[in-house]
Amino acid sequence: MSNELAVPGNITILPLPSKSPELNPVENLWQFMRENWLSNRVFKSYDDIVDHCCDAWRKLETQPWRVMSIGHRKWANGF
């Protein structure tokens, strides 16, 4: 039994850069929240930071269309 992945001839495996947050949709969500709801603030404490992050996440949860648009990749759906 081989542990190697069977790759079809028409597919080329390309290594991703070690740090590529632009390829991670969750990083894009956090960037959106920072830019729109968490930036330009002075937080009073750690708990204040957590509260604001939770509020931003809840706002984003009410906007599923925005989550889909932020996570959408044209190149991934062009096939």
N, C-alpha and C. Protein backbone atom coordinates (compact mmCIF):
# COMPACT_ATOMS: atom_id res chain seq x y z
N MET A 1 0.83 -1.17 0.00
CA MET A 1 0.00 0.00 0.00
C MET A 1 0.88 1.24 0.00
N SER A 2 0.67 2.13 -0.95
CA SER A 2 1.48 3.34 -1.09
C SER A 2 0.79 4.51 -0.39
N ASN A 3 1.57 5.37 0.25
CA ASN A 3 1.04 6.56 0.91
C ASN A 3 1.04 7.77 -0.01
N GLU A 4 1.47 7.61 -1.24
CA GLU A 4 1.55 8.72 -2.17
C GLU A 4 0.17 9.00 -2.76
N LEU A 5 -0.07 10.27 -3.01
CA LEU A 5 -1.31 10.72 -3.61
C LEU A 5 -1.28 10.44 -5.10
N ALA A 6 -2.33 9.85 -5.62
CA ALA A 6 -2.42 9.60 -7.06
C ALA A 6 -2.92 10.86 -7.74
N VAL A 7 -2.07 11.50 -8.52
CA VAL A 7 -2.41 12.76 -9.18
C VAL A 7 -2.62 12.48 -10.66
N PRO A 8 -3.79 12.84 -11.20
CA PRO A 8 -4.03 12.65 -12.63
C PRO A 8 -3.02 13.44 -13.46
N GLY A 9 -2.79 13.02 -14.68
CA GLY A 9 -1.81 13.65 -15.54
C GLY A 9 -2.14 15.08 -15.93
N ASN A 10 -3.43 15.45 -15.86
CA ASN A 10 -3.81 16.80 -16.26
C ASN A 10 -3.81 17.80 -15.09
N ILE A 11 -3.28 17.39 -13.95
CA ILE A 11 -3.21 18.26 -12.77
C ILE A 11 -1.76 18.41 -12.34
N THR A 12 -1.37 19.65 -12.08
CA THR A 12 -0.02 19.93 -11.60
C THR A 12 -0.11 20.44 -10.17
N ILE A 13 0.59 19.82 -9.28
CA ILE A 13 0.61 20.24 -7.89
C ILE A 13 1.62 21.38 -7.74
N LEU A 14 1.14 22.51 -7.20
CA LEU A 14 2.01 23.65 -6.97
C LEU A 14 2.08 23.92 -5.47
N PRO A 15 3.27 24.07 -4.93
CA PRO A 15 3.36 24.38 -3.50
C PRO A 15 2.90 25.81 -3.24
N LEU A 16 2.15 26.00 -2.17
CA LEU A 16 1.73 27.34 -1.78
C LEU A 16 2.83 27.99 -0.95
N PRO A 17 2.90 29.32 -1.00
CA PRO A 17 3.87 29.99 -0.14
C PRO A 17 3.59 29.67 1.32
N SER A 18 4.63 29.69 2.13
CA SER A 18 4.45 29.33 3.54
C SER A 18 3.51 30.29 4.25
N LYS A 19 3.51 31.54 3.87
CA LYS A 19 2.59 32.52 4.45
C LYS A 19 1.78 33.12 3.32
N SER A 20 0.54 32.72 3.22
CA SER A 20 -0.31 33.22 2.14
C SER A 20 -1.72 33.49 2.68
N PRO A 21 -1.86 34.50 3.55
CA PRO A 21 -3.19 34.78 4.14
C PRO A 21 -4.24 35.15 3.11
N GLU A 22 -3.82 35.69 1.95
CA GLU A 22 -4.79 36.07 0.93
C GLU A 22 -5.50 34.85 0.35
N LEU A 23 -4.95 33.66 0.56
CA LEU A 23 -5.58 32.43 0.08
C LEU A 23 -6.49 31.81 1.12
N ASN A 24 -6.53 32.38 2.31
CA ASN A 24 -7.35 31.85 3.40
C ASN A 24 -8.56 32.76 3.60
N PRO A 25 -9.77 32.32 3.24
CA PRO A 25 -10.95 33.17 3.36
C PRO A 25 -11.19 33.70 4.77
N VAL A 26 -10.82 32.96 5.80
CA VAL A 26 -11.03 33.43 7.17
C VAL A 26 -10.17 34.66 7.44
N GLU A 27 -8.96 34.68 6.90
CA GLU A 27 -8.11 35.86 7.05
C GLU A 27 -8.76 37.07 6.39
N ASN A 28 -9.42 36.85 5.25
CA ASN A 28 -10.11 37.94 4.58
C ASN A 28 -11.29 38.46 5.39
N LEU A 29 -11.98 37.56 6.08
CA LEU A 29 -13.08 37.98 6.95
C LEU A 29 -12.57 38.85 8.09
N TRP A 30 -11.48 38.41 8.73
CA TRP A 30 -10.91 39.21 9.82
C TRP A 30 -10.42 40.56 9.31
N GLN A 31 -9.84 40.59 8.13
CA GLN A 31 -9.39 41.86 7.56
C GLN A 31 -10.58 42.79 7.35
N PHE A 32 -11.67 42.27 6.82
CA PHE A 32 -12.88 43.08 6.63
C PHE A 32 -13.37 43.63 7.96
N MET A 33 -13.42 42.79 8.99
CA MET A 33 -13.91 43.25 10.30
C MET A 33 -12.97 44.30 10.88
N ARG A 34 -11.67 44.10 10.75
CA ARG A 34 -10.71 45.10 11.25
C ARG A 34 -10.92 46.43 10.55
N GLU A 35 -11.06 46.39 9.22
CA GLU A 35 -11.18 47.62 8.45
C GLU A 35 -12.49 48.36 8.72
N ASN A 36 -13.55 47.62 9.02
CA ASN A 36 -14.87 48.24 9.13
C ASN A 36 -15.38 48.44 10.55
N TRP A 37 -15.04 47.56 11.46
CA TRP A 37 -15.63 47.65 12.79
C TRP A 37 -14.62 47.69 13.94
N LEU A 38 -13.37 47.37 13.69
CA LEU A 38 -12.42 47.27 14.79
C LEU A 38 -11.26 48.25 14.71
N SER A 39 -11.15 49.00 13.63
CA SER A 39 -10.00 49.89 13.47
C SER A 39 -10.22 51.24 14.17
N ASN A 40 -9.14 51.96 14.34
CA ASN A 40 -9.15 53.30 14.92
C ASN A 40 -9.84 53.35 16.28
N ARG A 41 -9.49 52.42 17.11
CA ARG A 41 -10.05 52.34 18.46
C ARG A 41 -8.92 52.20 19.47
N VAL A 42 -9.20 52.68 20.65
CA VAL A 42 -8.32 52.42 21.78
C VAL A 42 -9.13 51.55 22.73
N PHE A 43 -8.65 50.35 22.95
CA PHE A 43 -9.37 49.41 23.81
C PHE A 43 -8.93 49.60 25.26
N LYS A 44 -9.88 49.46 26.17
CA LYS A 44 -9.61 49.68 27.59
C LYS A 44 -8.92 48.50 28.24
N SER A 45 -9.23 47.31 27.75
CA SER A 45 -8.69 46.09 28.38
C SER A 45 -8.79 44.94 27.39
N TYR A 46 -8.24 43.81 27.80
CA TYR A 46 -8.34 42.60 26.99
C TYR A 46 -9.80 42.22 26.79
N ASP A 47 -10.59 42.29 27.86
CA ASP A 47 -12.01 41.94 27.75
C ASP A 47 -12.74 42.86 26.79
N ASP A 48 -12.33 44.12 26.74
CA ASP A 48 -12.92 45.07 25.81
C ASP A 48 -12.62 44.66 24.36
N ILE A 49 -11.40 44.21 24.13
CA ILE A 49 -11.02 43.72 22.79
C ILE A 49 -11.88 42.53 22.41
N VAL A 50 -12.00 41.58 23.32
CA VAL A 50 -12.80 40.38 23.05
C VAL A 50 -14.25 40.75 22.80
N ASP A 51 -14.80 41.66 23.58
CA ASP A 51 -16.19 42.08 23.39
C ASP A 51 -16.40 42.72 22.02
N HIS A 52 -15.49 43.58 21.62
CA HIS A 52 -15.62 44.22 20.31
C HIS A 52 -15.46 43.21 19.17
N CYS A 53 -14.56 42.27 19.32
CA CYS A 53 -14.40 41.23 18.30
C CYS A 53 -15.65 40.37 18.19
N CYS A 54 -16.22 40.02 19.33
CA CYS A 54 -17.46 39.22 19.32
C CYS A 54 -18.60 40.00 18.67
N ASP A 55 -18.70 41.30 18.97
CA ASP A 55 -19.74 42.12 18.35
C ASP A 55 -19.55 42.19 16.83
N ALA A 56 -18.31 42.37 16.40
CA ALA A 56 -18.03 42.42 14.96
C ALA A 56 -18.39 41.09 14.30
N TRP A 57 -18.05 39.99 14.95
CA TRP A 57 -18.36 38.67 14.40
C TRP A 57 -19.87 38.47 14.31
N ARG A 58 -20.60 38.91 15.33
CA ARG A 58 -22.07 38.78 15.29
C ARG A 58 -22.68 39.63 14.17
N LYS A 59 -22.12 40.82 13.94
CA LYS A 59 -22.60 41.65 12.83
C LYS A 59 -22.38 40.91 11.51
N LEU A 60 -21.21 40.32 11.38
CA LEU A 60 -20.90 39.61 10.15
C LEU A 60 -21.80 38.38 9.97
N GLU A 61 -22.14 37.72 11.06
CA GLU A 61 -23.04 36.56 10.99
C GLU A 61 -24.40 36.91 10.43
N THR A 62 -24.84 38.15 10.64
CA THR A 62 -26.15 38.57 10.14
C THR A 62 -26.11 38.93 8.66
N GLN A 63 -24.92 38.87 8.06
CA GLN A 63 -24.76 39.25 6.66
C GLN A 63 -24.12 38.11 5.85
N PRO A 64 -24.84 37.00 5.67
CA PRO A 64 -24.26 35.86 4.96
C PRO A 64 -23.83 36.19 3.53
N TRP A 65 -24.52 37.11 2.88
CA TRP A 65 -24.13 37.51 1.53
C TRP A 65 -22.74 38.13 1.52
N ARG A 66 -22.40 38.85 2.58
CA ARG A 66 -21.07 39.47 2.65
C ARG A 66 -20.00 38.40 2.87
N VAL A 67 -20.31 37.43 3.71
CA VAL A 67 -19.36 36.33 3.95
C VAL A 67 -19.08 35.60 2.64
N MET A 68 -20.15 35.35 1.87
CA MET A 68 -19.97 34.65 0.59
C MET A 68 -19.15 35.49 -0.38
N SER A 69 -19.38 36.80 -0.42
CA SER A 69 -18.64 37.64 -1.37
C SER A 69 -17.18 37.78 -0.97
N ILE A 70 -16.90 37.86 0.33
CA ILE A 70 -15.52 37.97 0.79
C ILE A 70 -14.76 36.67 0.53
N GLY A 71 -15.40 35.54 0.74
CA GLY A 71 -14.75 34.25 0.55
C GLY A 71 -14.74 33.76 -0.89
N HIS A 72 -15.42 34.46 -1.79
CA HIS A 72 -15.53 34.03 -3.17
C HIS A 72 -14.19 34.22 -3.90
N ARG A 73 -13.84 33.25 -4.68
CA ARG A 73 -12.63 33.32 -5.51
C ARG A 73 -13.03 33.09 -6.96
N LYS A 74 -12.88 34.10 -7.79
CA LYS A 74 -13.25 33.95 -9.21
C LYS A 74 -12.50 32.80 -9.86
N TRP A 75 -11.20 32.72 -9.55
CA TRP A 75 -10.38 31.70 -10.20
C TRP A 75 -10.79 30.29 -9.79
N ALA A 76 -11.40 30.14 -8.61
CA ALA A 76 -11.81 28.82 -8.16
C ALA A 76 -13.12 28.38 -8.76
N ASN A 77 -13.92 29.32 -9.26
CA ASN A 77 -15.21 28.98 -9.83
C ASN A 77 -15.24 29.09 -11.35
N GLY A 78 -14.10 29.30 -11.97
CA GLY A 78 -14.06 29.50 -13.41
C GLY A 78 -13.92 28.21 -14.21
N PHE A 79 -14.08 27.06 -13.57
CA PHE A 79 -13.88 25.80 -14.28
C PHE A 79 -15.20 25.12 -14.57
